[in-house]
Structures are given as C-alpha cells and as structure tokens.
Amino acid sequence: MNINLKQLEAFCALVEYKNFTKASEALFLSQSTISSHIYAMEKEIGVQLASRNYRRKIEITAEGEKVYQYATQILRTCKELEEAFSGKEGEILAAASTIPAQYVLPGLMAQFLKENFNIHFSLEKGDSMAVMEMLKQRKARIGFLGTKEGDGSLQFQVYCRDYLVLVTPNTEKYRCLQSQKKLGRELLMEPLILRTQTSGTMKEFERYLKEQEIEEQDLNVVARINDPETIKNAVISGIGVTVMSNLAVRDEVAEGRLLKFELNQKRFSRYIYTAYLKETRLTDLEKRFIEPARPENWQ
C-alpha cells in the first residue's frame, strides 16, 4: 500500500480530536491537507475511515477504528526507531490509577530521573479500569494500577505490595476503640465512605468483603467519592470512616489527623501492578522503569 507516515499522523490526530480544526492545529497543517491525507488513505485502503453525522460531528467508522490501532502502533515503532539511534534516552508514556499516581509514581519518577538522563515522562491518570482501557487503545505504553482483570490482552506483574486499612477520625470514641485493640472488620457497620466501583481500591475491598462473607448492601454507605484526598478530608470532618490503601494515609496517620485499624489480625494485602499490552515490545528504558520494587521497600 502506498501510505506514508504523514497520512497516518493526520488520521490519528483526527481520531483523537474528532475535529478537523483541532487536528490541523495539533499538526500545524491546514484542514485541507488533513482532509487530503484522509481521502488518500481511504482511496488506498478501499474503505471509509471517517464521516460526518447530521450534526456535522466526526464519527470514526468500525474500519477506521481498526486502522487506528495499526496506525498508532506503526507511529510508535517509528518513534522507537528514531530514539534508538538519536542518542536520546526517549520518553516514558505511562498511565496510572489514583493510588499509584499520587503515592507511588512521584517518588519513583524522581529517583529514575536521577539515574537516567535525557528522558521525560508523559503521565495520564484515571481509575484502574480507565488505565486498562488507555493501554488497549495505545494511549499509554505502560500502566500502574491497583487491581488486575480483563480479557487477557494485558501482561501484569507485581510492582509492590500495599494493604487495606480502615481509617477513622482521631476522636475520643475511636481512640478508645483503638486502645481496646478493635479490628477494622468490627467497625464496618459505622457510617462508611467508599471509592467508586471502578477504582482498584474498591475492587480489592469487594474481594475482602467476599472473603469475609459480608454483603455490601448490609453496610451503612453514606457516600461514594472517587478522590482519596477528598475522602480523607471527609473522614477528618467526621462524616464517616473509610477503607483505604495504607499508602494513601501514611502521612495523615503519622501526623495524628487520622487513626487506622488493621482489618483483620493478618493484614489484607493488595498489590500495585504494572501492566502493558502483551504484544508491546518494551524498550530497555521502560523495562528498567517497571522493575519491581525491592521487597524491603514494600509496605
């Protein structure tokens, strides 16, 4: 096929922006040039890749979505080839769910930049389900997330271990319960603030409830909030208690703003995973970046 990289870039920009004006601005090309590239690709491949609906919005056809998957892979491979012989270390294109993004990646990135020069990071954030989707759509090369599931297209490996704890405000009531060596499991019927259903923390908490034979509908859930920082502030304000990653509450517990209770006598471990598409050929740089943390650094 007589298709060039400029045409692939134009088509990928149109898919990602769903707008000819924004695609042309992103590539510093005219709209007519973008249109010409798309038309040339459609003529060469023999299928329609995009169309305008009755509201004149851009819609990508099923064939166009399939071509987009190949196009992004080709462009990424060409970029890897350029980086391999340019003398530059290159870019790490990552996506992370909330807990890794806020409490794992900053330290990891800082340390990695000290040891590796001439690189930069591009980091997207979402919940665990969103991270898996970004990997499948090739919007990110590697992901960090707090749960693993899916259709088998992703390769997972453990990065580090974390564990879930029940967290309460630092009030006389809970200080008394803590002095009595109460477990978090015994406090689950308190007013409870939970993460949204698609978060890795919530997936792991659902696994815990199943193991303990506790029905979620029996809990006194007073709020569902996606952001851990907002949840912590809600707990500090006395709205309720929560179950959260230990990584997320270390500072507040150390400062005395929150109290934490182990869920059971034995910690309920969860893991932070790295993930990537099984068909992805990781660069040496990416392989070094996702090397599992040493056990002594695990939580």
Protein backbone atom coordinates (compact mmCIF):
# COMPACT_ATOMS: atom_id res chain seq x y z
CA MET A 1 0.00 0.00 0.00
CA ASN A 2 1.17 3.49 -0.82
CA ILE A 3 0.53 5.07 2.60
CA ASN A 4 3.01 7.41 4.28
CA LEU A 5 3.61 8.44 7.87
CA LYS A 6 2.17 11.94 7.36
CA GLN A 7 -1.13 10.37 6.35
CA LEU A 8 -1.09 8.11 9.39
CA GLU A 9 -0.34 11.07 11.67
CA ALA A 10 -3.21 13.06 10.17
CA PHE A 11 -5.66 10.21 10.59
CA CYS A 12 -4.60 9.51 14.20
CA ALA A 13 -4.98 13.20 15.05
CA LEU A 14 -8.49 13.22 13.57
CA VAL A 15 -9.45 10.13 15.59
CA GLU A 16 -8.07 11.61 18.80
CA TYR A 17 -9.51 15.12 18.41
CA LYS A 18 -12.72 14.23 16.49
CA ASN A 19 -12.34 17.64 14.86
CA PHE A 20 -10.56 18.77 11.68
CA THR A 21 -9.67 22.19 13.11
CA LYS A 22 -8.07 20.78 16.28
CA ALA A 23 -6.28 18.05 14.31
CA SER A 24 -4.84 20.59 11.88
CA GLU A 25 -3.72 22.87 14.74
CA ALA A 26 -2.04 19.96 16.53
CA LEU A 27 -0.02 19.04 13.43
CA PHE A 28 0.48 22.62 12.15
CA LEU A 29 -1.24 21.71 8.89
CA SER A 30 -4.20 23.17 7.03
CA GLN A 31 -7.59 21.50 7.27
CA SER A 32 -7.49 20.84 3.55
CA THR A 33 -4.20 18.97 3.96
CA ILE A 34 -5.70 16.82 6.74
CA SER A 35 -8.70 16.09 4.51
CA SER A 36 -6.41 15.19 1.59
CA HIS A 37 -4.42 12.78 3.74
CA ILE A 38 -7.58 11.06 5.00
CA TYR A 39 -9.04 10.83 1.48
CA ALA A 40 -5.78 9.37 0.12
CA MET A 41 -5.77 6.71 2.85
CA GLU A 42 -9.42 5.81 2.21
CA LYS A 43 -8.74 5.50 -1.51
CA GLU A 44 -5.64 3.36 -0.95
CA ILE A 45 -7.22 1.03 1.65
CA GLY A 46 -10.61 0.92 -0.04
CA VAL A 47 -12.79 1.67 2.99
CA GLN A 48 -14.35 4.76 4.58
CA LEU A 49 -12.46 5.75 7.70
CA ALA A 50 -14.47 8.72 8.98
CA SER A 51 -17.73 10.51 8.30
CA ARG A 52 -19.76 13.49 9.50
CA ASN A 53 -23.15 12.82 11.10
CA TYR A 54 -26.23 15.01 10.73
CA ARG A 55 -24.80 17.38 13.36
CA ARG A 56 -21.58 17.56 11.33
CA LYS A 57 -19.64 15.82 14.09
CA ILE A 58 -16.83 13.49 13.11
CA GLU A 59 -17.56 9.79 13.53
CA ILE A 60 -14.90 7.12 13.03
CA THR A 61 -16.16 4.01 11.27
CA ALA A 62 -15.57 0.48 12.56
CA GLU A 63 -12.96 0.05 9.82
CA GLY A 64 -11.42 3.37 10.86
CA GLU A 65 -11.09 2.19 14.47
CA LYS A 66 -9.26 -0.91 13.27
CA VAL A 67 -6.95 1.15 11.06
CA TYR A 68 -6.29 3.49 14.02
CA GLN A 69 -4.97 0.60 16.11
CA TYR A 70 -2.47 -0.32 13.39
CA ALA A 71 -1.57 3.32 12.71
CA THR A 72 -0.69 4.13 16.33
CA GLN A 73 1.45 1.01 16.55
CA ILE A 74 3.32 1.93 13.36
CA LEU A 75 3.92 5.50 14.51
CA ARG A 76 5.11 4.34 17.93
CA THR A 77 7.51 1.84 16.37
CA CYS A 78 8.93 4.57 14.12
CA LYS A 79 9.42 6.79 17.16
CA GLU A 80 11.23 3.98 18.97
CA LEU A 81 13.47 3.52 15.93
CA GLU A 82 14.28 7.24 15.90
CA GLU A 83 15.05 7.27 19.63
CA ALA A 84 17.24 4.18 19.39
CA PHE A 85 19.68 5.95 17.05
CA SER A 86 19.28 9.58 18.13
CA GLY A 87 21.48 9.40 21.24
CA LYS A 88 18.48 10.30 23.39
CA GLU A 89 17.01 8.05 26.06
CA GLY A 90 13.48 9.00 24.97
CA GLU A 91 10.03 9.17 26.53
CA ILE A 92 8.12 7.05 29.02
CA LEU A 93 4.43 7.12 28.14
CA ALA A 94 2.55 5.88 31.21
CA ALA A 95 -0.89 5.81 32.75
CA ALA A 96 -1.64 5.30 36.44
CA SER A 97 -4.66 4.78 38.62
CA THR A 98 -5.25 7.11 41.57
CA ILE A 99 -3.21 5.47 44.33
CA PRO A 100 -0.08 4.76 42.25
CA ALA A 101 -0.32 8.17 40.56
CA GLN A 102 -0.48 10.08 43.84
CA TYR A 103 1.59 7.96 46.22
CA VAL A 104 3.96 5.74 44.17
CA LEU A 105 4.87 7.40 40.88
CA PRO A 106 6.21 10.77 42.14
CA GLY A 107 8.99 9.14 44.17
CA LEU A 108 9.69 6.53 41.50
CA MET A 109 9.94 9.16 38.76
CA ALA A 110 12.20 11.39 40.84
CA GLN A 111 14.61 8.54 41.56
CA PHE A 112 14.56 7.34 37.95
CA LEU A 113 15.39 10.81 36.63
CA LYS A 114 18.45 10.93 38.89
CA GLU A 115 19.74 7.70 37.34
CA ASN A 116 18.69 8.29 33.71
CA PHE A 117 19.36 11.42 31.70
CA ASN A 118 17.72 12.92 28.61
CA ILE A 119 14.29 11.41 29.25
CA HIS A 120 10.88 12.81 30.02
CA PHE A 121 7.60 11.40 31.27
CA SER A 122 4.09 11.65 29.90
CA LEU A 123 1.63 10.52 32.57
CA GLU A 124 -2.13 10.07 32.22
CA LYS A 125 -4.35 9.48 35.25
CA GLY A 126 -7.62 7.58 35.68
CA ASP A 127 -9.10 4.77 37.72
CA SER A 128 -7.87 1.20 37.20
CA MET A 129 -10.46 0.41 34.51
CA ALA A 130 -9.57 3.62 32.65
CA VAL A 131 -5.85 2.75 32.77
CA MET A 132 -6.51 -0.67 31.24
CA GLU A 133 -8.56 0.97 28.50
CA MET A 134 -5.80 3.51 27.78
CA LEU A 135 -3.32 0.65 27.37
CA LYS A 136 -5.64 -1.20 24.99
CA GLN A 137 -6.17 1.97 22.94
CA ARG A 138 -2.40 2.55 22.91
CA LYS A 139 -2.76 5.94 24.56
CA ALA A 140 -0.16 4.71 27.07
CA ARG A 141 2.60 2.14 26.83
CA ILE A 142 2.79 1.04 30.46
CA GLY A 143 0.35 1.30 33.33
CA PHE A 144 0.42 1.29 37.12
CA LEU A 145 -2.80 0.16 38.79
CA GLY A 146 -4.21 -1.34 41.94
CA THR A 147 -6.06 -4.35 40.56
CA LYS A 148 -5.80 -6.74 37.63
CA GLU A 149 -8.52 -8.18 35.47
CA GLY A 150 -9.62 -8.04 31.87
CA ASP A 151 -9.73 -10.02 28.66
CA GLY A 152 -6.21 -11.45 28.68
CA SER A 153 -4.72 -8.82 26.36
CA LEU A 154 -2.58 -7.28 29.12
CA GLN A 155 0.53 -8.56 30.84
CA PHE A 156 0.58 -7.83 34.59
CA GLN A 157 3.42 -8.03 37.08
CA VAL A 158 3.59 -7.08 40.75
CA TYR A 159 5.42 -3.81 41.40
CA CYS A 160 4.99 -3.57 45.18
CA ARG A 161 2.71 -4.69 47.99
CA ASP A 162 0.23 -2.48 49.79
CA TYR A 163 -2.61 -3.33 52.18
CA LEU A 164 -6.08 -2.06 53.03
CA VAL A 165 -6.85 -0.45 56.40
CA LEU A 166 -9.93 1.04 57.98
CA VAL A 167 -9.47 4.74 58.69
CA THR A 168 -11.36 6.89 61.21
CA PRO A 169 -11.22 10.46 62.52
CA ASN A 170 -8.95 10.95 65.50
CA THR A 171 -11.70 11.39 68.10
CA GLU A 172 -12.10 10.14 71.67
CA LYS A 173 -14.53 7.44 70.51
CA TYR A 174 -12.07 5.89 68.06
CA ARG A 175 -9.05 6.39 70.28
CA CYS A 176 -10.91 4.35 72.89
CA LEU A 177 -11.71 1.63 70.35
CA GLN A 178 -8.09 1.61 69.25
CA SER A 179 -6.90 1.19 72.85
CA GLN A 180 -9.26 -1.82 73.08
CA LYS A 181 -7.39 -3.38 70.10
CA LYS A 182 -10.51 -3.35 67.95
CA LEU A 183 -10.09 -4.53 64.35
CA GLY A 184 -11.34 -2.68 61.32
CA ARG A 185 -13.69 -5.53 60.50
CA GLU A 186 -15.57 -4.77 63.72
CA LEU A 187 -16.13 -1.16 62.62
CA LEU A 188 -17.50 -1.80 59.14
CA MET A 189 -21.04 -1.00 60.25
CA GLU A 190 -20.04 2.58 61.06
CA PRO A 191 -21.12 5.24 58.51
CA LEU A 192 -18.87 4.31 55.59
CA ILE A 193 -17.37 6.34 52.75
CA LEU A 194 -16.29 4.26 49.74
CA ARG A 195 -14.45 4.78 46.47
CA THR A 196 -16.34 4.46 43.19
CA GLN A 197 -16.92 0.99 41.73
CA THR A 198 -14.24 1.19 39.01
CA SER A 199 -11.33 2.02 41.33
CA GLY A 200 -8.72 -0.60 42.14
CA THR A 201 -9.19 0.02 45.87
CA MET A 202 -12.91 -0.69 45.60
CA LYS A 203 -12.28 -3.86 43.58
CA GLU A 204 -9.94 -5.10 46.30
CA PHE A 205 -12.37 -4.12 49.08
CA GLU A 206 -15.10 -6.09 47.27
CA ARG A 207 -12.72 -9.06 47.27
CA TYR A 208 -12.23 -8.59 51.01
CA LEU A 209 -15.99 -8.49 51.65
CA LYS A 210 -16.45 -11.67 49.65
CA GLU A 211 -13.74 -13.45 51.66
CA GLN A 212 -15.39 -12.31 54.90
CA GLU A 213 -18.86 -13.27 53.63
CA ILE A 214 -20.16 -9.74 54.15
CA GLU A 215 -22.78 -8.34 51.79
CA GLU A 216 -22.06 -4.82 50.57
CA GLN A 217 -25.77 -3.89 50.79
CA ASP A 218 -25.61 -4.55 54.55
CA LEU A 219 -23.05 -1.79 55.03
CA ASN A 220 -24.05 1.75 56.02
CA VAL A 221 -22.61 3.53 52.98
CA VAL A 222 -23.15 7.29 53.34
CA ALA A 223 -21.09 8.46 50.34
CA ARG A 224 -19.10 7.31 47.32
CA ILE A 225 -16.23 9.59 46.35
CA ASN A 226 -13.59 8.99 43.70
CA ASP A 227 -10.74 11.15 45.02
CA PRO A 228 -8.75 9.78 48.03
CA GLU A 229 -7.81 13.26 49.25
CA THR A 230 -11.47 14.26 49.36
CA ILE A 231 -12.33 11.05 51.20
CA LYS A 232 -9.62 11.69 53.80
CA ASN A 233 -10.91 15.21 54.39
CA ALA A 234 -14.45 13.85 54.73
CA VAL A 235 -13.27 11.36 57.36
CA ILE A 236 -11.34 14.05 59.24
CA SER A 237 -14.54 16.15 59.21
CA GLY A 238 -16.45 13.32 60.88
CA ILE A 239 -18.73 12.26 58.01
CA GLY A 240 -17.76 8.62 58.40
CA VAL A 241 -14.98 6.06 58.24
CA THR A 242 -13.41 4.52 55.15
CA VAL A 243 -11.37 1.59 53.89
CA MET A 244 -8.31 2.79 52.05
CA SER A 245 -4.85 1.91 50.84
CA ASN A 246 -2.23 2.23 53.57
CA LEU A 247 -0.08 4.11 51.04
CA ALA A 248 -2.70 6.84 50.88
CA VAL A 249 -2.97 7.52 54.62
CA ARG A 250 0.59 7.18 55.92
CA ASP A 251 1.17 10.92 56.34
CA GLU A 252 -2.19 11.70 57.98
CA VAL A 253 -1.81 8.79 60.42
CA ALA A 254 1.76 9.82 61.28
CA GLU A 255 0.59 13.40 61.88
CA GLY A 256 -2.31 12.23 64.10
CA ARG A 257 -5.07 13.57 61.85
CA LEU A 258 -6.44 10.07 61.21
CA LEU A 259 -6.45 6.75 63.03
CA LYS A 260 -6.05 3.43 61.26
CA PHE A 261 -7.24 -0.05 62.18
CA GLU A 262 -6.00 -3.29 60.66
CA LEU A 263 -8.97 -5.01 59.02
CA ASN A 264 -8.03 -8.44 60.44
CA GLN A 265 -5.31 -9.85 62.65
CA LYS A 266 -3.48 -10.66 59.42
CA ARG A 267 -3.10 -7.76 57.03
CA PHE A 268 -5.30 -7.83 53.94
CA SER A 269 -2.64 -7.35 51.28
CA ARG A 270 -3.28 -5.84 47.88
CA TYR A 271 -0.73 -5.17 45.19
CA ILE A 272 0.26 -2.36 42.89
CA TYR A 273 0.75 -3.82 39.42
CA THR A 274 2.47 -2.71 36.27
CA ALA A 275 0.77 -3.65 33.01
CA TYR A 276 1.25 -3.40 29.26
CA LEU A 277 -0.21 -4.95 26.13
CA LYS A 278 1.19 -8.43 25.59
CA GLU A 279 2.09 -7.51 22.01
CA THR A 280 4.08 -4.45 23.12
CA ARG A 281 7.85 -4.65 22.77
CA LEU A 282 9.10 -2.70 25.76
CA THR A 283 12.22 -0.60 25.34
CA ASP A 284 15.17 -1.13 27.68
CA LEU A 285 14.24 2.16 29.33
CA GLU A 286 10.68 1.01 30.00
CA LYS A 287 11.86 -2.34 31.30
CA ARG A 288 14.12 -0.60 33.82
CA PHE A 289 11.34 1.73 34.89
CA ILE A 290 8.86 -1.03 35.75
CA GLU A 291 11.30 -3.32 37.54
CA PRO A 292 9.54 -4.46 40.74
CA ALA A 293 10.38 -2.56 43.91
CA ARG A 294 12.71 -4.40 46.27
CA PRO A 295 10.76 -6.32 48.96
CA GLU A 296 12.30 -4.24 51.75
CA ASN A 297 10.56 -1.20 50.20
CA TRP A 298 7.16 -2.90 50.13
CA GLN A 299 4.51 -1.68 52.56
